[in-house]
Amino acid sequence: MAQTEVIVTHTSLIAADDAARFVSASIREKLGESSPDALIVFVSPEYPYDDLLSALNDYCKPGILVGCSSAGEFSGRSTKNASISVMAIRSDSIRFNARCATGLRTDRSSAIQGILPVFTGSEHPEFPYRSALVLTDALAGYADEMIHVMTVETGGSYQLFGGGAADDARFHETHVFHGRRSYADAVVVLEMLSRKPIGLGVEHGWKPSGAPLRVTEADGNRLISLDATSVVEIFREHAERTGQTFNPADPLPFFLHNVIGIDTGDDHKLRVPLSLNEDGSVSCAAEVPVGATVHIMVASIESACDAARQASLAAIAGLRGEAHAGSLVFDCAATRLRLGRSFSDELVAVAEALGSENFAGCNTYGQIARGEGQFNGFHNCTAVVCAIPK
């Protein structure tokens, strides 16, 4: 009978060799001498990536290794900074395939063409359920467009999930991993072709505050005006109306609690404001299109936990009755900053909804979730859960 085993482990041992040995021992405790088919690794920027990846390959001997740098790592209810979270998968019912492409900033068309051969589902009809883990350098931009191209080129036949690699909110340089090497300005995709359904859930827990606004000027991820008014004035007026403090010299505390929600008709796609520019514009974590209707959005600790719970329940429902082996979980670096120690409450909500602490994940610069029947792919401040069947 086809079977999938998922092993989750987590360590804050800082020496690369020691950390890799610990991870290997944890995996062997469950798999014995069998090697995992796939190793998915989330790593703090405090580690020497290539040294760690080489050691993990030597000790764990995975068929495929992928992963990314992150802004907080977790497994089960355990969450830390300066740590490594790992998921190992051995499966008779899932076929894995991976590919990495570089040059997102300089030649994004070539980069996306370089990654598309990873999608081999049409060659393997014996695996009817198609999913892919996508980890990308969100600082390079293009994430939303890239997910759209992947969706179109695969005829919408894949569930896509994952996130933007991070670097502990330094916003300097992020990396994705493939095999023994780390790559900046890059994207890596792990194809997962399965004989059983793989569940996917996505929820954000934010609600509109105030009247809708029209984006009257924007340039990529730089939001310039709303309703023909400087966006900094819009935020200042919103702060006064809602009794909040908005300090232009230090706007991030306000931004973390007041994000931009792009109206998609039945929901909002979130964009986190990151910095205030000298011209009064605001740089966001991803593009905000001119002409879009937006709201300033608000959330609470309770709504964030409930969103993670609902995403987890949706992922379990997506298994369509199959037993749960383990899950990958992604949430925003901004959510972790906003919630602080209360972020652990969100992980408790995930564990309760999944009925298991066998999950691993990290905080990312943007989350990727494109399920059946929808084309919105790149999100901010959103919980994404992928449930893997036994």
Foldseek 3Di string as FASTA:
>chain_A
DKDKAKFKDKWLPAALLVQLQVVLVSVCVPVPPDAFQEKEKEAAPSHPQLSNLVNNCVRRVYVKYKYKYFQWWDFQLDIDHNMMIMMGMHIPFKDKFKFKFADCQNCVPVQLVRGQVRPPCVVCVLQQAKEKEKEFALLSACPLVSLLVSCVVVVNRYWYWYFYHDHNPPSPWMWMDIRSDTDTRMMMMMMIRGNFFKFKFKFFLKDFDDDKWAQADDDWQKRADTPPHGVLVVLVVVCVVVVHDADLVDRQLVQLFWWKFFDPPPGTFTWGFDHADPNSITGISGGDDHGTIIGTIGHDLVSLLVQLLRRLLRRVVRRVPFAFNEKEKEFASSVCVNCPVSVSVSSVSNCVSNVHSRYIYHHHSWIATDHPPDSRGTGHSMMMMITDGD
